[in-house]
């Protein structure tokens, strides 16, 4: 086998395999629609959940603080930020 045949036999299928894998990984990202970014206007109407009860024609929630027993109001730290 000549050097050219050896390169064609070993290198071309290997490079083709790598390019095929790269194409399978990159192609879905390139075909996807642009994502929503913070600060962009939201052109769609709300679907299921709303933080505005008046907007959903619902009565406002009852914020009765006496119903909570054994809780210290406003002294706890933590939550989703993880600042314990």
PDB file of N, CA and C in Angstrom:
ATOM      1  N   UNK A   1       0.838  -1.172   0.000  1.00  0.00           N
ATOM      2  CA  UNK A   1       0.000   0.000   0.000  1.00  0.00           C
ATOM      3  C   UNK A   1       0.883   1.236   0.000  1.00  0.00           C
ATOM      4  N   UNK A   2       0.512   2.207  -0.796  1.00  0.00           N
ATOM      5  CA  UNK A   2       1.287   3.441  -0.844  1.00  0.00           C
ATOM      6  C   UNK A   2       0.891   4.342   0.323  1.00  0.00           C
ATOM      7  N   UNK A   3       1.629   5.409   0.499  1.00  0.00           N
ATOM      8  CA  UNK A   3       1.359   6.354   1.577  1.00  0.00           C
ATOM      9  C   UNK A   3      -0.003   7.022   1.363  1.00  0.00           C
ATOM     10  N   UNK A   4      -0.319   7.358   0.144  1.00  0.00           N
ATOM     11  CA  UNK A   4      -1.603   7.984  -0.151  1.00  0.00           C
ATOM     12  C   UNK A   4      -2.762   7.044   0.172  1.00  0.00           C
ATOM     13  N   UNK A   5      -2.639   5.776  -0.193  1.00  0.00           N
ATOM     14  CA  UNK A   5      -3.693   4.808   0.122  1.00  0.00           C
ATOM     15  C   UNK A   5      -3.834   4.617   1.630  1.00  0.00           C
ATOM     16  N   UNK A   6      -2.722   4.616   2.338  1.00  0.00           N
ATOM     17  CA  UNK A   6      -2.759   4.470   3.795  1.00  0.00           C
ATOM     18  C   UNK A   6      -3.472   5.655   4.436  1.00  0.00           C
ATOM     19  N   UNK A   7      -3.151   6.862   3.996  1.00  0.00           N
ATOM     20  CA  UNK A   7      -3.808   8.053   4.534  1.00  0.00           C
ATOM     21  C   UNK A   7      -5.297   8.020   4.217  1.00  0.00           C
ATOM     22  N   UNK A   8      -5.638   7.664   2.995  1.00  0.00           N
ATOM     23  CA  UNK A   8      -7.048   7.586   2.628  1.00  0.00           C
ATOM     24  C   UNK A   8      -7.785   6.510   3.428  1.00  0.00           C
ATOM     25  N   UNK A   9      -7.107   5.415   3.713  1.00  0.00           N
ATOM     26  CA  UNK A   9      -7.735   4.303   4.408  1.00  0.00           C
ATOM     27  C   UNK A   9      -7.944   4.598   5.894  1.00  0.00           C
ATOM     28  N   UNK A  10      -6.961   5.262   6.540  1.00  0.00           N
ATOM     29  CA  UNK A  10      -7.043   5.493   7.985  1.00  0.00           C
ATOM     30  C   UNK A  10      -7.538   6.891   8.354  1.00  0.00           C
ATOM     31  N   UNK A  11      -7.113   7.907   7.674  1.00  0.00           N
ATOM     32  CA  UNK A  11      -7.410   9.281   8.087  1.00  0.00           C
ATOM     33  C   UNK A  11      -8.797   9.744   7.653  1.00  0.00           C
ATOM     34  N   UNK A  12      -9.187   9.449   6.433  1.00  0.00           N
ATOM     35  CA  UNK A  12     -10.458   9.970   5.922  1.00  0.00           C
ATOM     36  C   UNK A  12     -11.659   9.441   6.717  1.00  0.00           C
ATOM     37  N   UNK A  13     -11.762   8.140   7.000  1.00  0.00           N
ATOM     38  CA  UNK A  13     -12.911   7.692   7.807  1.00  0.00           C
ATOM     39  C   UNK A  13     -12.904   8.271   9.227  1.00  0.00           C
ATOM     40  N   UNK A  14     -11.718   8.430   9.802  1.00  0.00           N
ATOM     41  CA  UNK A  14     -11.633   8.995  11.149  1.00  0.00           C
ATOM     42  C   UNK A  14     -12.097  10.446  11.159  1.00  0.00           C
ATOM     43  N   UNK A  15     -11.618  11.230  10.210  1.00  0.00           N
ATOM     44  CA  UNK A  15     -12.033  12.633  10.120  1.00  0.00           C
ATOM     45  C   UNK A  15     -13.527  12.720   9.814  1.00  0.00           C
ATOM     46  N   UNK A  16     -14.024  11.863   8.962  1.00  0.00           N
ATOM     47  CA  UNK A  16     -15.455  11.867   8.645  1.00  0.00           C
ATOM     48  C   UNK A  16     -16.293  11.523   9.876  1.00  0.00           C
ATOM     49  N   UNK A  17     -15.820  10.581  10.691  1.00  0.00           N
ATOM     50  CA  UNK A  17     -16.531  10.225  11.913  1.00  0.00           C
ATOM     51  C   UNK A  17     -16.578  11.405  12.877  1.00  0.00           C
ATOM     52  N   UNK A  18     -15.444  12.065  13.083  1.00  0.00           N
ATOM     53  CA  UNK A  18     -15.412  13.225  13.969  1.00  0.00           C
ATOM     54  C   UNK A  18     -16.298  14.352  13.440  1.00  0.00           C
ATOM     55  N   UNK A  19     -16.260  14.620  12.168  1.00  0.00           N
ATOM     56  CA  UNK A  19     -17.110  15.664  11.593  1.00  0.00           C
ATOM     57  C   UNK A  19     -18.594  15.309  11.713  1.00  0.00           C
ATOM     58  N   UNK A  20     -18.919  14.035  11.574  1.00  0.00           N
ATOM     59  CA  UNK A  20     -20.306  13.612  11.747  1.00  0.00           C
ATOM     60  C   UNK A  20     -20.791  13.822  13.174  1.00  0.00           C
ATOM     61  N   UNK A  21     -19.942  13.497  14.153  1.00  0.00           N
ATOM     62  CA  UNK A  21     -20.307  13.709  15.555  1.00  0.00           C
ATOM     63  C   UNK A  21     -20.459  15.197  15.846  1.00  0.00           C
ATOM     64  N   UNK A  22     -19.534  16.006  15.339  1.00  0.00           N
ATOM     65  CA  UNK A  22     -19.622  17.455  15.536  1.00  0.00           C
ATOM     66  C   UNK A  22     -20.900  17.994  14.902  1.00  0.00           C
ATOM     67  N   UNK A  23     -21.247  17.515  13.748  1.00  0.00           N
ATOM     68  CA  UNK A  23     -22.465  17.958  13.079  1.00  0.00           C
ATOM     69  C   UNK A  23     -23.706  17.580  13.883  1.00  0.00           C
ATOM     70  N   UNK A  24     -23.716  16.380  14.459  1.00  0.00           N
ATOM     71  CA  UNK A  24     -24.853  15.962  15.276  1.00  0.00           C
ATOM     72  C   UNK A  24     -24.991  16.796  16.546  1.00  0.00           C
ATOM     73  N   UNK A  25     -23.879  17.272  17.073  1.00  0.00           N
ATOM     74  CA  UNK A  25     -23.920  18.070  18.298  1.00  0.00           C
ATOM     75  C   UNK A  25     -24.263  19.527  18.004  1.00  0.00           C
ATOM     76  N   UNK A  26     -23.693  20.093  16.955  1.00  0.00           N
ATOM     77  CA  UNK A  26     -23.824  21.525  16.688  1.00  0.00           C
ATOM     78  C   UNK A  26     -25.094  21.860  15.909  1.00  0.00           C
ATOM     79  N   UNK A  27     -25.574  20.983  15.066  1.00  0.00           N
ATOM     80  CA  UNK A  27     -26.716  21.291  14.200  1.00  0.00           C
ATOM     81  C   UNK A  27     -27.979  21.669  14.974  1.00  0.00           C
ATOM     82  N   UNK A  28     -28.363  20.962  16.045  1.00  0.00           N
ATOM     83  CA  UNK A  28     -29.574  21.389  16.765  1.00  0.00           C
ATOM     84  C   UNK A  28     -29.444  22.780  17.374  1.00  0.00           C
ATOM     85  N   UNK A  29     -28.254  23.142  17.817  1.00  0.00           N
ATOM     86  CA  UNK A  29     -28.062  24.476  18.384  1.00  0.00           C
ATOM     87  C   UNK A  29     -28.200  25.557  17.325  1.00  0.00           C
ATOM     88  N   UNK A  30     -27.748  25.274  16.131  1.00  0.00           N
ATOM     89  CA  UNK A  30     -27.802  26.270  15.068  1.00  0.00           C
ATOM     90  C   UNK A  30     -29.230  26.441  14.538  1.00  0.00           C
ATOM     91  N   UNK A  31     -30.049  25.397  14.598  1.00  0.00           N
ATOM     92  CA  UNK A  31     -31.401  25.451  14.049  1.00  0.00           C
ATOM     93  C   UNK A  31     -32.419  25.974  15.061  1.00  0.00           C
ATOM     94  N   UNK A  32     -32.031  26.103  16.313  1.00  0.00           N
ATOM     95  CA  UNK A  32     -32.952  26.514  17.362  1.00  0.00           C
ATOM     96  C   UNK A  32     -33.288  27.998  17.256  1.00  0.00           C
ATOM     97  N   UNK A  33     -34.504  28.340  17.635  1.00  0.00           N
ATOM     98  CA  UNK A  33     -34.916  29.739  17.653  1.00  0.00           C
ATOM     99  C   UNK A  33     -34.161  30.474  18.754  1.00  0.00           C
ATOM    100  N   UNK A  34     -34.025  31.789  18.644  1.00  0.00           N
ATOM    101  CA  UNK A  34     -33.344  32.535  19.701  1.00  0.00           C
ATOM    102  C   UNK A  34     -34.132  32.473  21.008  1.00  0.00           C
ATOM    103  N   UNK A  35     -33.406  32.367  22.111  1.00  0.00           N
ATOM    104  CA  UNK A  35     -34.032  32.264  23.415  1.00  0.00           C
ATOM    105  C   UNK A  35     -34.409  33.635  23.948  1.00  0.00           C
ATOM    106  N   UNK A  36     -35.324  33.634  24.909  1.00  0.00           N
ATOM    107  CA  UNK A  36     -35.701  34.873  25.584  1.00  0.00           C
ATOM    108  C   UNK A  36     -34.581  35.261  26.533  1.00  0.00           C
ATOM    109  N   UNK A  37     -34.200  36.514  26.505  1.00  0.00           N
ATOM    110  CA  UNK A  37     -33.188  37.052  27.411  1.00  0.00           C
ATOM    111  C   UNK A  37     -33.835  38.099  28.308  1.00  0.00           C
ATOM    112  N   UNK A  38     -33.304  38.250  29.496  1.00  0.00           N
ATOM    113  CA  UNK A  38     -33.836  39.212  30.446  1.00  0.00           C
ATOM    114  C   UNK A  38     -33.757  40.610  29.855  1.00  0.00           C
ATOM    115  N   UNK A  39     -34.832  41.346  29.981  1.00  0.00           N
ATOM    116  CA  UNK A  39     -34.883  42.702  29.468  1.00  0.00           C
ATOM    117  C   UNK A  39     -35.559  42.812  28.114  1.00  0.00           C
ATOM    118  N   UNK A  40     -35.717  41.709  27.430  1.00  0.00           N
ATOM    119  CA  UNK A  40     -36.411  41.741  26.148  1.00  0.00           C
ATOM    120  C   UNK A  40     -37.916  41.786  26.395  1.00  0.00           C
ATOM    121  N   UNK A  41     -38.668  42.412  25.510  1.00  0.00           N
ATOM    122  CA  UNK A  41     -40.124  42.403  25.694  1.00  0.00           C
ATOM    123  C   UNK A  41     -40.686  40.991  25.511  1.00  0.00           C
ATOM    124  N   UNK A  42     -41.706  40.686  26.278  1.00  0.00           N
ATOM    125  CA  UNK A  42     -42.340  39.371  26.197  1.00  0.00           C
ATOM    126  C   UNK A  42     -43.595  39.503  25.341  1.00  0.00           C
ATOM    127  N   UNK A  43     -43.589  38.958  24.122  1.00  0.00           N
ATOM    128  CA  UNK A  43     -44.709  39.192  23.211  1.00  0.00           C
ATOM    129  C   UNK A  43     -45.895  38.248  23.411  1.00  0.00           C
ATOM    130  N   UNK A  44     -45.802  37.322  24.347  1.00  0.00           N
ATOM    131  CA  UNK A  44     -46.850  36.309  24.504  1.00  0.00           C
ATOM    132  C   UNK A  44     -47.753  36.647  25.683  1.00  0.00           C
ATOM    133  N   UNK A  45     -48.973  36.171  25.642  1.00  0.00           N
ATOM    134  CA  UNK A  45     -49.892  36.375  26.763  1.00  0.00           C
ATOM    135  C   UNK A  45     -49.594  35.345  27.848  1.00  0.00           C
ATOM    136  N   UNK A  46     -49.903  35.655  29.129  1.00  0.00           N
ATOM    137  CA  UNK A  46     -49.671  34.683  30.195  1.00  0.00           C
ATOM    138  C   UNK A  46     -50.545  33.446  30.000  1.00  0.00           C
ATOM    139  N   UNK A  47     -50.013  32.291  30.397  1.00  0.00           N
ATOM    140  CA  UNK A  47     -50.732  31.053  30.125  1.00  0.00           C
ATOM    141  C   UNK A  47     -51.456  30.513  31.353  1.00  0.00           C
ATOM    142  N   UNK A  48     -50.725  30.111  32.388  1.00  0.00           N
ATOM    143  CA  UNK A  48     -51.363  29.421  33.496  1.00  0.00           C
ATOM    144  C   UNK A  48     -51.297  30.192  34.805  1.00  0.00           C
ATOM    145  N   UNK A  49     -50.194  30.785  35.107  1.00  0.00           N
ATOM    146  CA  UNK A  49     -49.974  31.341  36.428  1.00  0.00           C
ATOM    147  C   UNK A  49     -49.848  32.841  36.338  1.00  0.00           C
ATOM    148  N   UNK A  50     -50.384  33.521  37.323  1.00  0.00           N
ATOM    149  CA  UNK A  50     -50.212  34.966  37.388  1.00  0.00           C
ATOM    150  C   UNK A  50     -49.963  35.353  38.833  1.00  0.00           C
ATOM    151  N   UNK A  51     -49.072  36.281  39.039  1.00  0.00           N
ATOM    152  CA  UNK A  51     -48.792  36.774  40.379  1.00  0.00           C
ATOM    153  C   UNK A  51     -49.728  37.918  40.732  1.00  0.00           C
ATOM    154  N   UNK A  52     -50.555  38.317  39.814  1.00  0.00           N
ATOM    155  CA  UNK A  52     -51.474  39.421  40.023  1.00  0.00           C
ATOM    156  C   UNK A  52     -52.889  38.859  40.152  1.00  0.00           C
ATOM    157  N   UNK A  53     -53.409  38.711  41.383  1.00  0.00           N
ATOM    158  CA  UNK A  53     -54.746  38.133  41.528  1.00  0.00           C
ATOM    159  C   UNK A  53     -55.829  38.978  40.867  1.00  0.00           C
ATOM    160  N   UNK A  54     -55.672  40.303  40.854  1.00  0.00           N
ATOM    161  CA  UNK A  54     -56.677  41.137  40.216  1.00  0.00           C
ATOM    162  C   UNK A  54     -56.674  40.914  38.708  1.00  0.00           C
ATOM    163  N   UNK A  55     -55.519  40.611  38.148  1.00  0.00           N
ATOM    164  CA  UNK A  55     -55.448  40.340  36.722  1.00  0.00           C
ATOM    165  C   UNK A  55     -56.131  39.040  36.352  1.00  0.00           C
ATOM    166  N   UNK A  56     -56.234  38.125  37.294  1.00  0.00           N
ATOM    167  CA  UNK A  56     -56.900  36.849  37.048  1.00  0.00           C
ATOM    168  C   UNK A  56     -58.344  36.863  37.538  1.00  0.00           C
ATOM    169  N   UNK A  57     -58.849  38.036  37.929  1.00  0.00           N
ATOM    170  CA  UNK A  57     -60.201  38.196  38.460  1.00  0.00           C
ATOM    171  C   UNK A  57     -60.422  37.312  39.693  1.00  0.00           C
ATOM    172  N   UNK A  58     -59.410  37.225  40.545  1.00  0.00           N
ATOM    173  CA  UNK A  58     -59.502  36.463  41.782  1.00  0.00           C
ATOM    174  C   UNK A  58     -59.404  37.424  42.958  1.00  0.00           C
ATOM    175  N   UNK A  59     -59.969  37.064  44.103  1.00  0.00           N
ATOM    176  CA  UNK A  59     -59.818  37.936  45.272  1.00  0.00           C
ATOM    177  C   UNK A  59     -58.372  37.900  45.764  1.00  0.00           C
ATOM    178  N   UNK A  60     -57.946  38.977  46.393  1.00  0.00           N
ATOM    179  CA  UNK A  60     -56.588  39.039  46.930  1.00  0.00           C
ATOM    180  C   UNK A  60     -56.447  38.039  48.067  1.00  0.00           C
ATOM    181  N   UNK A  61     -55.244  37.540  48.278  1.00  0.00           N
ATOM    182  CA  UNK A  61     -54.987  36.569  49.333  1.00  0.00           C
ATOM    183  C   UNK A  61     -55.086  37.242  50.692  1.00  0.00           C
ATOM    184  N   UNK A  62     -55.530  36.488  51.691  1.00  0.00           N
ATOM    185  CA  UNK A  62     -55.641  37.001  53.050  1.00  0.00           C
ATOM    186  C   UNK A  62     -54.276  36.877  53.708  1.00  0.00           C
ATOM    187  N   UNK A  63     -53.690  38.002  54.072  1.00  0.00           N
ATOM    188  CA  UNK A  63     -52.361  38.004  54.684  1.00  0.00           C
ATOM    189  C   UNK A  63     -52.501  38.140  56.193  1.00  0.00           C
ATOM    190  N   UNK A  64     -53.029  37.115  56.825  1.00  0.00           N
ATOM    191  CA  UNK A  64     -53.230  37.123  58.263  1.00  0.00           C
ATOM    192  C   UNK A  64     -51.951  36.647  58.930  1.00  0.00           C
ATOM    193  N   UNK A  65     -51.233  37.550  59.610  1.00  0.00           N
ATOM    194  CA  UNK A  65     -49.961  37.182  60.239  1.00  0.00           C
ATOM    195  C   UNK A  65     -50.169  36.475  61.566  1.00  0.00           C
ATOM    196  N   UNK A  66     -51.363  36.540  62.160  1.00  0.00           N
ATOM    197  CA  UNK A  66     -51.591  35.862  63.428  1.00  0.00           C
ATOM    198  C   UNK A  66     -51.798  34.370  63.236  1.00  0.00           C
ATOM    199  N   UNK A  67     -52.036  33.927  62.029  1.00  0.00           N
ATOM    200  CA  UNK A  67     -52.253  32.504  61.786  1.00  0.00           C
ATOM    201  C   UNK A  67     -50.957  31.713  61.893  1.00  0.00           C
ATOM    202  N   UNK A  68     -49.823  32.373  61.723  1.00  0.00           N
ATOM    203  CA  UNK A  68     -48.537  31.692  61.809  1.00  0.00           C
ATOM    204  C   UNK A  68     -48.128  31.662  63.271  1.00  0.00           C
ATOM    205  N   UNK A  69     -47.943  30.463  63.817  1.00  0.00           N
ATOM    206  CA  UNK A  69     -47.575  30.351  65.221  1.00  0.00           C
ATOM    207  C   UNK A  69     -46.149  29.867  65.328  1.00  0.00           C
ATOM    208  N   UNK A  70     -45.414  30.446  66.241  1.00  0.00           N
ATOM    209  CA  UNK A  70     -44.049  30.014  66.492  1.00  0.00           C
ATOM    210  C   UNK A  70     -43.032  30.525  65.494  1.00  0.00           C
ATOM    211  N   UNK A  71     -43.400  31.422  64.634  1.00  0.00           N
ATOM    212  CA  UNK A  71     -42.459  31.943  63.643  1.00  0.00           C
ATOM    213  C   UNK A  71     -42.001  33.325  64.063  1.00  0.00           C
ATOM    214  N   UNK A  72     -40.745  33.594  63.812  1.00  0.00           N
ATOM    215  CA  UNK A  72     -40.203  34.921  64.079  1.00  0.00           C
ATOM    216  C   UNK A  72     -40.280  35.709  62.785  1.00  0.00           C
ATOM    217  N   UNK A  73     -41.059  36.740  62.779  1.00  0.00           N
ATOM    218  CA  UNK A  73     -41.291  37.502  61.554  1.00  0.00           C
ATOM    219  C   UNK A  73     -40.083  38.372  61.228  1.00  0.00           C
ATOM    220  N   UNK A  74     -39.514  38.171  60.079  1.00  0.00           N
ATOM    221  CA  UNK A  74     -38.465  39.049  59.576  1.00  0.00           C
ATOM    222  C   UNK A  74     -37.075  38.811  60.123  1.00  0.00           C
ATOM    223  N   UNK A  75     -36.847  37.802  60.941  1.00  0.00           N
ATOM    224  CA  UNK A  75     -35.509  37.582  61.484  1.00  0.00           C
ATOM    225  C   UNK A  75     -34.769  36.451  60.792  1.00  0.00           C
ATOM    226  N   UNK A  76     -35.454  35.639  60.030  1.00  0.00           N
ATOM    227  CA  UNK A  76     -34.805  34.518  59.370  1.00  0.00           C
ATOM    228  C   UNK A  76     -34.045  34.998  58.145  1.00  0.00           C
ATOM    229  N   UNK A  77     -32.960  34.290  57.847  1.00  0.00           N
ATOM    230  CA  UNK A  77     -32.209  34.569  56.631  1.00  0.00           C
ATOM    231  C   UNK A  77     -32.134  33.272  55.848  1.00  0.00           C
ATOM    232  N   UNK A  78     -31.887  33.386  54.581  1.00  0.00           N
ATOM    233  CA  UNK A  78     -31.777  32.190  53.759  1.00  0.00           C
ATOM    234  C   UNK A  78     -32.716  32.275  52.589  1.00  0.00           C
ATOM    235  N   UNK A  79     -33.151  31.142  52.140  1.00  0.00           N
ATOM    236  CA  UNK A  79     -34.058  31.115  51.010  1.00  0.00           C
ATOM    237  C   UNK A  79     -33.347  30.667  49.752  1.00  0.00           C
ATOM    238  N   UNK A  80     -33.818  31.149  48.627  1.00  0.00           N
ATOM    239  CA  UNK A  80     -33.297  30.695  47.346  1.00  0.00           C
ATOM    240  C   UNK A  80     -31.879  31.177  47.093  1.00  0.00           C
ATOM    241  N   UNK A  81     -31.482  32.284  47.709  1.00  0.00           N
ATOM    242  CA  UNK A  81     -30.129  32.786  47.487  1.00  0.00           C
ATOM    243  C   UNK A  81     -29.089  31.943  48.195  1.00  0.00           C
ATOM    244  N   UNK A  82     -29.473  31.281  49.254  1.00  0.00           N
ATOM    245  CA  UNK A  82     -28.528  30.466  49.991  1.00  0.00           C
ATOM    246  C   UNK A  82     -27.680  31.272  50.953  1.00  0.00           C
ATOM    247  N   UNK A  83     -28.102  32.459  51.338  1.00  0.00           N
ATOM    248  CA  UNK A  83     -27.345  33.249  52.310  1.00  0.00           C
ATOM    249  C   UNK A  83     -27.881  32.917  53.696  1.00  0.00           C
ATOM    250  N   UNK A  84     -27.336  31.922  54.296  1.00  0.00           N
ATOM    251  CA  UNK A  84     -27.835  31.419  55.567  1.00  0.00           C
ATOM    252  C   UNK A  84     -27.262  32.212  56.711  1.00  0.00           C
TER     253      UNK A  84
END
